[in-house]
Amino acid sequence: MDETAVDIDTWLDTLDLNLRILNRLGSEGILRVRDLRACRASDLRKFPGIGPRSIRDIQHAMHQAGHTLRAEEA
């Protein structure tokens, strides 16, 4: 984690994500940056209402926060 990254215990509602995405993630028990870091994009796509655009928005917000989603397995 670089020095400008937000703490992994930060609530997701502090990131630049729209309410629909926050609600979708919250209904799946993903509430903090730590929870989202443990997910792959392919995991998130399985959630109802999370499509390619939502994935891009999530990845962008995580990047802005100094974090990434879990890498896809090869």
Protein backbone atom coordinates (compact mmCIF):
# COMPACT_ATOMS: atom_id res chain seq x y z
CA MET A 1 0.00 0.00 0.00
CA ASP A 2 1.43 3.36 -0.89
CA GLU A 3 1.43 6.25 1.55
CA THR A 4 -1.48 8.03 -0.15
CA ALA A 5 -3.80 5.01 -0.05
CA VAL A 6 -6.83 5.11 2.21
CA ASP A 7 -6.87 2.70 5.13
CA ILE A 8 -8.29 -0.73 4.31
CA ASP A 9 -10.84 -0.35 7.12
CA THR A 10 -12.34 2.70 5.40
CA TRP A 11 -16.06 2.40 4.67
CA LEU A 12 -16.86 2.21 0.96
CA ASP A 13 -19.31 5.09 1.19
CA THR A 14 -16.32 7.43 1.46
CA LEU A 15 -15.15 6.37 -2.02
CA ASP A 16 -16.42 7.90 -5.24
CA LEU A 17 -19.07 5.24 -5.91
CA ASN A 18 -22.72 5.84 -6.72
CA LEU A 19 -25.42 4.80 -4.30
CA ARG A 20 -26.69 1.95 -6.49
CA ILE A 21 -23.26 0.29 -6.48
CA LEU A 22 -22.83 0.89 -2.74
CA ASN A 23 -26.22 -0.68 -2.04
CA ARG A 24 -25.45 -3.68 -4.25
CA LEU A 25 -22.09 -4.26 -2.58
CA GLY A 26 -23.57 -3.72 0.87
CA SER A 27 -26.27 -6.31 0.24
CA GLU A 28 -23.45 -8.78 -0.46
CA GLY A 29 -21.68 -7.88 2.80
CA ILE A 30 -18.98 -5.78 1.12
CA LEU A 31 -18.80 -2.66 3.25
CA ARG A 32 -15.14 -1.70 3.59
CA VAL A 33 -12.14 -1.32 1.31
CA ARG A 34 -10.73 -4.51 2.88
CA ASP A 35 -13.81 -6.45 1.71
CA LEU A 36 -13.55 -5.14 -1.83
CA ARG A 37 -9.81 -5.85 -2.06
CA ALA A 38 -10.61 -9.52 -1.43
CA CYS A 39 -12.88 -9.66 -4.51
CA ARG A 40 -11.99 -10.31 -8.12
CA ALA A 41 -13.87 -8.52 -10.89
CA SER A 42 -15.24 -11.92 -11.91
CA ASP A 43 -16.65 -12.36 -8.37
CA LEU A 44 -18.39 -8.99 -8.52
CA ARG A 45 -19.93 -9.74 -11.94
CA LYS A 46 -21.89 -12.57 -10.31
CA PHE A 47 -23.82 -10.08 -8.17
CA PRO A 48 -27.18 -8.96 -9.59
CA GLY A 49 -26.95 -5.39 -10.86
CA ILE A 50 -23.15 -5.34 -11.19
CA GLY A 51 -22.13 -5.26 -14.84
CA PRO A 52 -19.13 -4.08 -16.86
CA ARG A 53 -19.79 -0.38 -16.23
CA SER A 54 -20.13 -0.93 -12.48
CA ILE A 55 -16.89 -2.94 -12.50
CA ARG A 56 -15.10 -0.06 -14.26
CA ASP A 57 -16.51 2.42 -11.72
CA ILE A 58 -15.42 0.20 -8.82
CA GLN A 59 -11.93 -0.29 -10.26
CA HIS A 60 -11.59 3.45 -10.81
CA ALA A 61 -12.71 4.28 -7.26
CA MET A 62 -10.32 1.69 -5.84
CA HIS A 63 -7.47 3.08 -7.94
CA GLN A 64 -8.26 6.60 -6.69
CA ALA A 65 -8.13 5.20 -3.14
CA GLY A 66 -4.73 3.60 -3.79
CA HIS A 67 -6.01 0.02 -3.91
CA THR A 68 -6.99 -2.63 -6.45
CA LEU A 69 -9.33 -5.55 -6.64
CA ARG A 70 -7.87 -9.02 -6.17
CA ALA A 71 -6.08 -10.23 -9.31
CA GLU A 72 -7.79 -12.78 -11.52
CA GLU A 73 -6.25 -16.23 -11.41
CA ALA A 74 -4.49 -17.28 -14.59
